[in-house]
Amino acid sequence: MQRITFVGKITQDINLSEAKNGQAMTYLKVVDTDNGNPTYIDFLVIGKMAIDASLFLQKGNLVYIEGYVKNKREEIAGKMNYNFSFHATFVKFLD
């Protein structure tokens, strides 16, 4: 499993939803512009972290996120597609 740490600003307000298993979930859409070129990443956040994010974060807030990259492989119309997603394990509100 590949670990990732990321510091960036929230690019849109948080929309809390419910996963199939009943847990709260949301995607934190964040951007980092330190290198001059923006890097956008969507992090899946579940459980209490998702609820807290929806209550206390909004567009423009700075956050520190730790998580991991999950590789996905699926067959669509007879062709193998490879994709990856980012899952947050820790979120710290920086402002």
PDB file of N, CA and C in Angstrom:
ATOM      1  N   MET A   1       0.845  -1.169   0.000  1.00  0.00           N
ATOM      2  CA  MET A   1       0.000   0.000   0.000  1.00  0.00           C
ATOM      3  C   MET A   1       0.899   1.243   0.000  1.00  0.00           C
ATOM      4  N   GLN A   2       0.588   2.174  -0.853  1.00  0.00           N
ATOM      5  CA  GLN A   2       1.352   3.409  -0.944  1.00  0.00           C
ATOM      6  C   GLN A   2       0.725   4.468  -0.051  1.00  0.00           C
ATOM      7  N   ARG A   3       1.531   5.036   0.839  1.00  0.00           N
ATOM      8  CA  ARG A   3       1.074   6.093   1.745  1.00  0.00           C
ATOM      9  C   ARG A   3       1.242   7.448   1.070  1.00  0.00           C
ATOM     10  N   ILE A   4       0.400   8.394   1.459  1.00  0.00           N
ATOM     11  CA  ILE A   4       0.473   9.737   0.897  1.00  0.00           C
ATOM     12  C   ILE A   4       0.183  10.752   1.998  1.00  0.00           C
ATOM     13  N   THR A   5       0.899  11.870   1.962  1.00  0.00           N
ATOM     14  CA  THR A   5       0.568  13.024   2.800  1.00  0.00           C
ATOM     15  C   THR A   5       0.385  14.207   1.870  1.00  0.00           C
ATOM     16  N   PHE A   6      -0.547  15.062   2.202  1.00  0.00           N
ATOM     17  CA  PHE A   6      -0.904  16.148   1.291  1.00  0.00           C
ATOM     18  C   PHE A   6      -1.387  17.341   2.105  1.00  0.00           C
ATOM     19  N   VAL A   7      -0.926  18.524   1.746  1.00  0.00           N
ATOM     20  CA  VAL A   7      -1.422  19.765   2.333  1.00  0.00           C
ATOM     21  C   VAL A   7      -2.004  20.595   1.208  1.00  0.00           C
ATOM     22  N   GLY A   8      -3.231  21.033   1.378  1.00  0.00           N
ATOM     23  CA  GLY A   8      -3.858  21.819   0.323  1.00  0.00           C
ATOM     24  C   GLY A   8      -5.115  22.502   0.819  1.00  0.00           C
ATOM     25  N   LYS A   9      -5.717  23.251  -0.078  1.00  0.00           N
ATOM     26  CA  LYS A   9      -6.958  23.984   0.231  1.00  0.00           C
ATOM     27  C   LYS A   9      -8.152  23.235  -0.350  1.00  0.00           C
ATOM     28  N   ILE A  10      -9.250  23.248   0.393  1.00  0.00           N
ATOM     29  CA  ILE A  10     -10.501  22.647  -0.060  1.00  0.00           C
ATOM     30  C   ILE A  10     -11.019  23.466  -1.248  1.00  0.00           C
ATOM     31  N   THR A  11     -11.387  22.789  -2.345  1.00  0.00           N
ATOM     32  CA  THR A  11     -11.814  23.506  -3.551  1.00  0.00           C
ATOM     33  C   THR A  11     -13.324  23.676  -3.665  1.00  0.00           C
ATOM     34  N   GLN A  12     -14.093  22.933  -2.862  1.00  0.00           N
ATOM     35  CA  GLN A  12     -15.550  23.117  -2.876  1.00  0.00           C
ATOM     36  C   GLN A  12     -16.127  22.686  -1.537  1.00  0.00           C
ATOM     37  N   ASP A  13     -17.315  23.191  -1.227  1.00  0.00           N
ATOM     38  CA  ASP A  13     -17.951  22.852   0.044  1.00  0.00           C
ATOM     39  C   ASP A  13     -18.197  21.347   0.131  1.00  0.00           C
ATOM     40  N   ILE A  14     -18.242  20.847   1.352  1.00  0.00           N
ATOM     41  CA  ILE A  14     -18.336  19.417   1.628  1.00  0.00           C
ATOM     42  C   ILE A  14     -19.783  18.955   1.527  1.00  0.00           C
ATOM     43  N   ASN A  15     -20.013  17.843   0.812  1.00  0.00           N
ATOM     44  CA  ASN A  15     -21.336  17.222   0.718  1.00  0.00           C
ATOM     45  C   ASN A  15     -21.274  15.857   1.391  1.00  0.00           C
ATOM     46  N   LEU A  16     -21.916  15.730   2.520  1.00  0.00           N
ATOM     47  CA  LEU A  16     -21.932  14.479   3.265  1.00  0.00           C
ATOM     48  C   LEU A  16     -22.975  13.545   2.668  1.00  0.00           C
ATOM     49  N   SER A  17     -22.606  12.272   2.518  1.00  0.00           N
ATOM     50  CA  SER A  17     -23.562  11.280   2.031  1.00  0.00           C
ATOM     51  C   SER A  17     -23.383  10.000   2.838  1.00  0.00           C
ATOM     52  N   GLU A  18     -24.136   8.980   2.473  1.00  0.00           N
ATOM     53  CA  GLU A  18     -24.094   7.714   3.200  1.00  0.00           C
ATOM     54  C   GLU A  18     -23.661   6.601   2.259  1.00  0.00           C
ATOM     55  N   ALA A  19     -22.681   5.807   2.693  1.00  0.00           N
ATOM     56  CA  ALA A  19     -22.217   4.662   1.911  1.00  0.00           C
ATOM     57  C   ALA A  19     -23.243   3.529   2.003  1.00  0.00           C
ATOM     58  N   LYS A  20     -23.070   2.501   1.185  1.00  0.00           N
ATOM     59  CA  LYS A  20     -23.990   1.366   1.182  1.00  0.00           C
ATOM     60  C   LYS A  20     -24.065   0.676   2.541  1.00  0.00           C
ATOM     61  N   ASN A  21     -22.950   0.709   3.294  1.00  0.00           N
ATOM     62  CA  ASN A  21     -22.924   0.057   4.606  1.00  0.00           C
ATOM     63  C   ASN A  21     -23.463   0.955   5.724  1.00  0.00           C
ATOM     64  N   GLY A  22     -23.953   2.154   5.376  1.00  0.00           N
ATOM     65  CA  GLY A  22     -24.549   3.052   6.345  1.00  0.00           C
ATOM     66  C   GLY A  22     -23.595   4.071   6.948  1.00  0.00           C
ATOM     67  N   GLN A  23     -22.309   3.966   6.649  1.00  0.00           N
ATOM     68  CA  GLN A  23     -21.345   4.928   7.185  1.00  0.00           C
ATOM     69  C   GLN A  23     -21.424   6.255   6.450  1.00  0.00           C
ATOM     70  N   ALA A  24     -21.157   7.327   7.199  1.00  0.00           N
ATOM     71  CA  ALA A  24     -21.070   8.651   6.581  1.00  0.00           C
ATOM     72  C   ALA A  24     -19.829   8.688   5.693  1.00  0.00           C
ATOM     73  N   MET A  25     -19.921   9.395   4.580  1.00  0.00           N
ATOM     74  CA  MET A  25     -18.783   9.517   3.675  1.00  0.00           C
ATOM     75  C   MET A  25     -18.841  10.834   2.928  1.00  0.00           C
ATOM     76  N   THR A  26     -17.686  11.284   2.490  1.00  0.00           N
ATOM     77  CA  THR A  26     -17.589  12.467   1.658  1.00  0.00           C
ATOM     78  C   THR A  26     -16.276  12.415   0.887  1.00  0.00           C
ATOM     79  N   TYR A  27     -16.157  13.277  -0.084  1.00  0.00           N
ATOM     80  CA  TYR A  27     -14.891  13.453  -0.791  1.00  0.00           C
ATOM     81  C   TYR A  27     -14.379  14.852  -0.481  1.00  0.00           C
ATOM     82  N   LEU A  28     -13.141  14.914   0.002  1.00  0.00           N
ATOM     83  CA  LEU A  28     -12.478  16.203   0.164  1.00  0.00           C
ATOM     84  C   LEU A  28     -11.726  16.482  -1.120  1.00  0.00           C
ATOM     85  N   LYS A  29     -12.135  17.502  -1.813  1.00  0.00           N
ATOM     86  CA  LYS A  29     -11.490  17.897  -3.061  1.00  0.00           C
ATOM     87  C   LYS A  29     -10.507  19.006  -2.716  1.00  0.00           C
ATOM     88  N   VAL A  30      -9.192  18.699  -2.842  1.00  0.00           N
ATOM     89  CA  VAL A  30      -8.159  19.633  -2.400  1.00  0.00           C
ATOM     90  C   VAL A  30      -7.184  19.947  -3.528  1.00  0.00           C
ATOM     91  N   VAL A  31      -6.539  21.108  -3.417  1.00  0.00           N
ATOM     92  CA  VAL A  31      -5.566  21.540  -4.410  1.00  0.00           C
ATOM     93  C   VAL A  31      -4.328  22.059  -3.691  1.00  0.00           C
ATOM     94  N   ASP A  32      -3.173  21.785  -4.275  1.00  0.00           N
ATOM     95  CA  ASP A  32      -1.890  22.314  -3.802  1.00  0.00           C
ATOM     96  C   ASP A  32      -1.286  23.101  -4.957  1.00  0.00           C
ATOM     97  N   THR A  33      -0.917  24.347  -4.699  1.00  0.00           N
ATOM     98  CA  THR A  33      -0.357  25.201  -5.763  1.00  0.00           C
ATOM     99  C   THR A  33       1.062  25.656  -5.454  1.00  0.00           C
ATOM    100  N   ASP A  34       1.751  24.992  -4.524  1.00  0.00           N
ATOM    101  CA  ASP A  34       3.089  25.414  -4.115  1.00  0.00           C
ATOM    102  C   ASP A  34       4.113  25.408  -5.253  1.00  0.00           C
ATOM    103  N   ASN A  35       4.016  24.486  -6.169  1.00  0.00           N
ATOM    104  CA  ASN A  35       4.998  24.368  -7.246  1.00  0.00           C
ATOM    105  C   ASN A  35       4.655  25.201  -8.475  1.00  0.00           C
ATOM    106  N   GLY A  36       3.647  26.032  -8.397  1.00  0.00           N
ATOM    107  CA  GLY A  36       3.239  26.833  -9.541  1.00  0.00           C
ATOM    108  C   GLY A  36       2.196  26.146 -10.401  1.00  0.00           C
ATOM    109  N   ASN A  37       2.230  24.823 -10.447  1.00  0.00           N
ATOM    110  CA  ASN A  37       1.226  24.047 -11.181  1.00  0.00           C
ATOM    111  C   ASN A  37       0.281  23.412 -10.172  1.00  0.00           C
ATOM    112  N   PRO A  38      -1.023  23.650 -10.295  1.00  0.00           N
ATOM    113  CA  PRO A  38      -1.949  23.080  -9.313  1.00  0.00           C
ATOM    114  C   PRO A  38      -2.020  21.555  -9.407  1.00  0.00           C
ATOM    115  N   THR A  39      -2.057  20.916  -8.244  1.00  0.00           N
ATOM    116  CA  THR A  39      -2.259  19.476  -8.150  1.00  0.00           C
ATOM    117  C   THR A  39      -3.575  19.253  -7.424  1.00  0.00           C
ATOM    118  N   TYR A  40      -4.532  18.611  -8.085  1.00  0.00           N
ATOM    119  CA  TYR A  40      -5.855  18.367  -7.514  1.00  0.00           C
ATOM    120  C   TYR A  40      -5.968  16.892  -7.132  1.00  0.00           C
ATOM    121  N   ILE A  41      -6.468  16.635  -5.922  1.00  0.00           N
ATOM    122  CA  ILE A  41      -6.704  15.260  -5.483  1.00  0.00           C
ATOM    123  C   ILE A  41      -8.038  15.219  -4.743  1.00  0.00           C
ATOM    124  N   ASP A  42      -8.815  14.177  -5.004  1.00  0.00           N
ATOM    125  CA  ASP A  42     -10.057  13.917  -4.286  1.00  0.00           C
ATOM    126  C   ASP A  42      -9.791  12.784  -3.289  1.00  0.00           C
ATOM    127  N   PHE A  43      -9.962  13.046  -2.004  1.00  0.00           N
ATOM    128  CA  PHE A  43      -9.752  12.049  -0.966  1.00  0.00           C
ATOM    129  C   PHE A  43     -11.092  11.550  -0.450  1.00  0.00           C
ATOM    130  N   LEU A  44     -11.268  10.241  -0.405  1.00  0.00           N
ATOM    131  CA  LEU A  44     -12.440   9.645   0.213  1.00  0.00           C
ATOM    132  C   LEU A  44     -12.245   9.668   1.725  1.00  0.00           C
ATOM    133  N   VAL A  45     -13.231  10.193   2.438  1.00  0.00           N
ATOM    134  CA  VAL A  45     -13.201  10.270   3.895  1.00  0.00           C
ATOM    135  C   VAL A  45     -14.464   9.593   4.410  1.00  0.00           C
ATOM    136  N   ILE A  46     -14.313   8.704   5.399  1.00  0.00           N
ATOM    137  CA  ILE A  46     -15.482   7.975   5.905  1.00  0.00           C
ATOM    138  C   ILE A  46     -15.589   8.108   7.419  1.00  0.00           C
ATOM    139  N   GLY A  47     -16.772   7.790   7.932  1.00  0.00           N
ATOM    140  CA  GLY A  47     -17.010   7.746   9.358  1.00  0.00           C
ATOM    141  C   GLY A  47     -17.043   9.115  10.021  1.00  0.00           C
ATOM    142  N   LYS A  48     -16.546   9.154  11.265  1.00  0.00           N
ATOM    143  CA  LYS A  48     -16.567  10.388  12.053  1.00  0.00           C
ATOM    144  C   LYS A  48     -15.756  11.494  11.390  1.00  0.00           C
ATOM    145  N   MET A  49     -14.656  11.138  10.718  1.00  0.00           N
ATOM    146  CA  MET A  49     -13.867  12.163  10.014  1.00  0.00           C
ATOM    147  C   MET A  49     -14.703  12.861   8.949  1.00  0.00           C
ATOM    148  N   ALA A  50     -15.550  12.119   8.256  1.00  0.00           N
ATOM    149  CA  ALA A  50     -16.410  12.710   7.226  1.00  0.00           C
ATOM    150  C   ALA A  50     -17.433  13.655   7.852  1.00  0.00           C
ATOM    151  N   ILE A  51     -18.008  13.238   8.975  1.00  0.00           N
ATOM    152  CA  ILE A  51     -18.992  14.088   9.664  1.00  0.00           C
ATOM    153  C   ILE A  51     -18.326  15.373  10.148  1.00  0.00           C
ATOM    154  N   ASP A  52     -17.163  15.246  10.791  1.00  0.00           N
ATOM    155  CA  ASP A  52     -16.440  16.427  11.274  1.00  0.00           C
ATOM    156  C   ASP A  52     -16.058  17.360  10.125  1.00  0.00           C
ATOM    157  N   ALA A  53     -15.603  16.787   9.014  1.00  0.00           N
ATOM    158  CA  ALA A  53     -15.235  17.610   7.848  1.00  0.00           C
ATOM    159  C   ALA A  53     -16.444  18.396   7.347  1.00  0.00           C
ATOM    160  N   SER A  54     -17.602  17.752   7.294  1.00  0.00           N
ATOM    161  CA  SER A  54     -18.796  18.446   6.787  1.00  0.00           C
ATOM    162  C   SER A  54     -19.251  19.559   7.732  1.00  0.00           C
ATOM    163  N   LEU A  55     -18.971  19.402   9.025  1.00  0.00           N
ATOM    164  CA  LEU A  55     -19.379  20.408  10.003  1.00  0.00           C
ATOM    165  C   LEU A  55     -18.423  21.596  10.089  1.00  0.00           C
ATOM    166  N   PHE A  56     -17.123  21.335   9.924  1.00  0.00           N
ATOM    167  CA  PHE A  56     -16.127  22.362  10.231  1.00  0.00           C
ATOM    168  C   PHE A  56     -15.316  22.863   9.042  1.00  0.00           C
ATOM    169  N   LEU A  57     -15.401  22.218   7.889  1.00  0.00           N
ATOM    170  CA  LEU A  57     -14.621  22.650   6.731  1.00  0.00           C
ATOM    171  C   LEU A  57     -15.517  23.256   5.663  1.00  0.00           C
ATOM    172  N   GLN A  58     -14.951  24.163   4.909  1.00  0.00           N
ATOM    173  CA  GLN A  58     -15.641  24.745   3.762  1.00  0.00           C
ATOM    174  C   GLN A  58     -14.607  25.113   2.711  1.00  0.00           C
ATOM    175  N   LYS A  59     -15.076  25.499   1.573  1.00  0.00           N
ATOM    176  CA  LYS A  59     -14.201  25.888   0.478  1.00  0.00           C
ATOM    177  C   LYS A  59     -13.186  26.934   0.950  1.00  0.00           C
ATOM    178  N   GLY A  60     -11.908  26.686   0.611  1.00  0.00           N
ATOM    179  CA  GLY A  60     -10.848  27.621   0.955  1.00  0.00           C
ATOM    180  C   GLY A  60     -10.067  27.262   2.207  1.00  0.00           C
ATOM    181  N   ASN A  61     -10.592  26.343   3.054  1.00  0.00           N
ATOM    182  CA  ASN A  61      -9.866  25.944   4.258  1.00  0.00           C
ATOM    183  C   ASN A  61      -8.626  25.131   3.902  1.00  0.00           C
ATOM    184  N   LEU A  62      -7.568  25.327   4.694  1.00  0.00           N
ATOM    185  CA  LEU A  62      -6.322  24.592   4.518  1.00  0.00           C
ATOM    186  C   LEU A  62      -6.370  23.330   5.381  1.00  0.00           C
ATOM    187  N   VAL A  63      -5.991  22.178   4.793  1.00  0.00           N
ATOM    188  CA  VAL A  63      -6.015  20.902   5.503  1.00  0.00           C
ATOM    189  C   VAL A  63      -4.733  20.118   5.260  1.00  0.00           C
ATOM    190  N   TYR A  64      -4.393  19.282   6.229  1.00  0.00           N
ATOM    191  CA  TYR A  64      -3.312  18.308   6.123  1.00  0.00           C
ATOM    192  C   TYR A  64      -3.987  16.949   6.112  1.00  0.00           C
ATOM    193  N   ILE A  65      -3.656  16.112   5.126  1.00  0.00           N
ATOM    194  CA  ILE A  65      -4.298  14.805   4.989  1.00  0.00           C
ATOM    195  C   ILE A  65      -3.240  13.718   4.879  1.00  0.00           C
ATOM    196  N   GLU A  66      -3.433  12.637   5.643  1.00  0.00           N
ATOM    197  CA  GLU A  66      -2.642  11.424   5.495  1.00  0.00           C
ATOM    198  C   GLU A  66      -3.578  10.349   4.980  1.00  0.00           C
ATOM    199  N   GLY A  67      -3.055   9.495   4.132  1.00  0.00           N
ATOM    200  CA  GLY A  67      -3.892   8.435   3.603  1.00  0.00           C
ATOM    201  C   GLY A  67      -3.096   7.457   2.768  1.00  0.00           C
ATOM    202  N   TYR A  68      -3.791   6.767   1.899  1.00  0.00           N
ATOM    203  CA  TYR A  68      -3.148   5.777   1.037  1.00  0.00           C
ATOM    204  C   TYR A  68      -3.805   5.764  -0.339  1.00  0.00           C
ATOM    205  N   VAL A  69      -3.070   5.213  -1.278  1.00  0.00           N
ATOM    206  CA  VAL A  69      -3.556   5.079  -2.651  1.00  0.00           C
ATOM    207  C   VAL A  69      -4.057   3.647  -2.827  1.00  0.00           C
ATOM    208  N   LYS A  70      -5.260   3.511  -3.333  1.00  0.00           N
ATOM    209  CA  LYS A  70      -5.839   2.182  -3.579  1.00  0.00           C
ATOM    210  C   LYS A  70      -5.962   1.977  -5.089  1.00  0.00           C
ATOM    211  N   ASN A  71      -5.358   0.908  -5.565  1.00  0.00           N
ATOM    212  CA  ASN A  71      -5.429   0.570  -6.994  1.00  0.00           C
ATOM    213  C   ASN A  71      -6.690  -0.242  -7.254  1.00  0.00           C
ATOM    214  N   LYS A  72      -7.371   0.070  -8.352  1.00  0.00           N
ATOM    215  CA  LYS A  72      -8.581  -0.654  -8.721  1.00  0.00           C
ATOM    216  C   LYS A  72      -8.418  -1.193 -10.137  1.00  0.00           C
ATOM    217  N   ARG A  73      -8.917  -2.391 -10.345  1.00  0.00           N
ATOM    218  CA  ARG A  73      -8.909  -3.004 -11.666  1.00  0.00           C
ATOM    219  C   ARG A  73     -10.302  -3.542 -11.931  1.00  0.00           C
ATOM    220  N   GLU A  74     -10.864  -3.169 -13.094  1.00  0.00           N
ATOM    221  CA  GLU A  74     -12.197  -3.642 -13.431  1.00  0.00           C
ATOM    222  C   GLU A  74     -12.305  -3.844 -14.932  1.00  0.00           C
ATOM    223  N   GLU A  75     -13.161  -4.767 -15.309  1.00  0.00           N
ATOM    224  CA  GLU A  75     -13.379  -5.043 -16.726  1.00  0.00           C
ATOM    225  C   GLU A  75     -14.668  -4.362 -17.166  1.00  0.00           C
ATOM    226  N   ILE A  76     -14.557  -3.554 -18.198  1.00  0.00           N
ATOM    227  CA  ILE A  76     -15.709  -2.863 -18.756  1.00  0.00           C
ATOM    228  C   ILE A  76     -15.745  -3.139 -20.247  1.00  0.00           C
ATOM    229  N   ALA A  77     -16.846  -3.704 -20.698  1.00  0.00           N
ATOM    230  CA  ALA A  77     -17.044  -4.027 -22.117  1.00  0.00           C
ATOM    231  C   ALA A  77     -15.881  -4.860 -22.660  1.00  0.00           C
ATOM    232  N   GLY A  78     -15.424  -5.828 -21.849  1.00  0.00           N
ATOM    233  CA  GLY A  78     -14.373  -6.732 -22.305  1.00  0.00           C
ATOM    234  C   GLY A  78     -12.968  -6.161 -22.242  1.00  0.00           C
ATOM    235  N   LYS A  79     -12.805  -4.956 -21.722  1.00  0.00           N
ATOM    236  CA  LYS A  79     -11.484  -4.330 -21.659  1.00  0.00           C
ATOM    237  C   LYS A  79     -11.129  -4.055 -20.199  1.00  0.00           C
ATOM    238  N   MET A  80      -9.899  -4.397 -19.803  1.00  0.00           N
ATOM    239  CA  MET A  80      -9.449  -4.150 -18.438  1.00  0.00           C
ATOM    240  C   MET A  80      -9.097  -2.674 -18.261  1.00  0.00           C
ATOM    241  N   ASN A  81      -9.661  -2.072 -17.240  1.00  0.00           N
ATOM    242  CA  ASN A  81      -9.375  -0.679 -16.902  1.00  0.00           C
ATOM    243  C   ASN A  81      -8.696  -0.633 -15.541  1.00  0.00           C
ATOM    244  N   TYR A  82      -7.672   0.184 -15.443  1.00  0.00           N
ATOM    245  CA  TYR A  82      -6.928   0.350 -14.202  1.00  0.00           C
ATOM    246  C   TYR A  82      -7.105   1.783 -13.724  1.00  0.00           C
ATOM    247  N   ASN A  83      -7.379   1.926 -12.443  1.00  0.00           N
ATOM    248  CA  ASN A  83      -7.641   3.232 -11.869  1.00  0.00           C
ATOM    249  C   ASN A  83      -7.106   3.230 -10.441  1.00  0.00           C
ATOM    250  N   PHE A  84      -7.067   4.364  -9.811  1.00  0.00           N
ATOM    251  CA  PHE A  84      -6.670   4.428  -8.423  1.00  0.00           C
ATOM    252  C   PHE A  84      -7.501   5.483  -7.707  1.00  0.00           C
ATOM    253  N   SER A  85      -7.589   5.341  -6.389  1.00  0.00           N
ATOM    254  CA  SER A  85      -8.322   6.310  -5.584  1.00  0.00           C
ATOM    255  C   SER A  85      -7.512   6.615  -4.329  1.00  0.00           C
ATOM    256  N   PHE A  86      -7.799   7.763  -3.728  1.00  0.00           N
ATOM    257  CA  PHE A  86      -7.096   8.208  -2.534  1.00  0.00           C
ATOM    258  C   PHE A  86      -8.041   8.130  -1.344  1.00  0.00           C
ATOM    259  N   HIS A  87      -7.586   7.477  -0.272  1.00  0.00           N
ATOM    260  CA  HIS A  87      -8.400   7.285   0.921  1.00  0.00           C
ATOM    261  C   HIS A  87      -7.717   7.959   2.106  1.00  0.00           C
ATOM    262  N   ALA A  88      -8.424   8.836   2.799  1.00  0.00           N
ATOM    263  CA  ALA A  88      -7.865   9.556   3.945  1.00  0.00           C
ATOM    264  C   ALA A  88      -7.975   8.698   5.202  1.00  0.00           C
ATOM    265  N   THR A  89      -6.878   8.673   5.980  1.00  0.00           N
ATOM    266  CA  THR A  89      -6.886   8.000   7.279  1.00  0.00           C
ATOM    267  C   THR A  89      -6.768   9.011   8.422  1.00  0.00           C
ATOM    268  N   PHE A  90      -6.364  10.243   8.105  1.00  0.00           N
ATOM    269  CA  PHE A  90      -6.209  11.298   9.107  1.00  0.00           C
ATOM    270  C   PHE A  90      -6.383  12.634   8.416  1.00  0.00           C
ATOM    271  N   VAL A  91      -7.186  13.505   9.004  1.00  0.00           N
ATOM    272  CA  VAL A  91      -7.393  14.856   8.465  1.00  0.00           C
ATOM    273  C   VAL A  91      -7.201  15.860   9.597  1.00  0.00           C
ATOM    274  N   LYS A  92      -6.329  16.837   9.381  1.00  0.00           N
ATOM    275  CA  LYS A  92      -6.113  17.896  10.371  1.00  0.00           C
ATOM    276  C   LYS A  92      -6.512  19.231   9.744  1.00  0.00           C
ATOM    277  N   PHE A  93      -7.339  19.972  10.446  1.00  0.00           N
ATOM    278  CA  PHE A  93      -7.782  21.279   9.985  1.00  0.00           C
ATOM    279  C   PHE A  93      -6.707  22.292  10.358  1.00  0.00           C
ATOM    280  N   LEU A  94      -6.146  22.993   9.377  1.00  0.00           N
ATOM    281  CA  LEU A  94      -5.037  23.904   9.623  1.00  0.00           C
ATOM    282  C   LEU A  94      -5.465  25.353   9.793  1.00  0.00           C
ATOM    283  N   ASP A  95      -6.668  25.696   9.419  1.00  0.00           N
ATOM    284  CA  ASP A  95      -7.154  27.064   9.687  1.00  0.00           C
ATOM    285  C   ASP A  95      -8.640  27.082   9.942  1.00  0.00           C
TER     286      ASP A  95
END
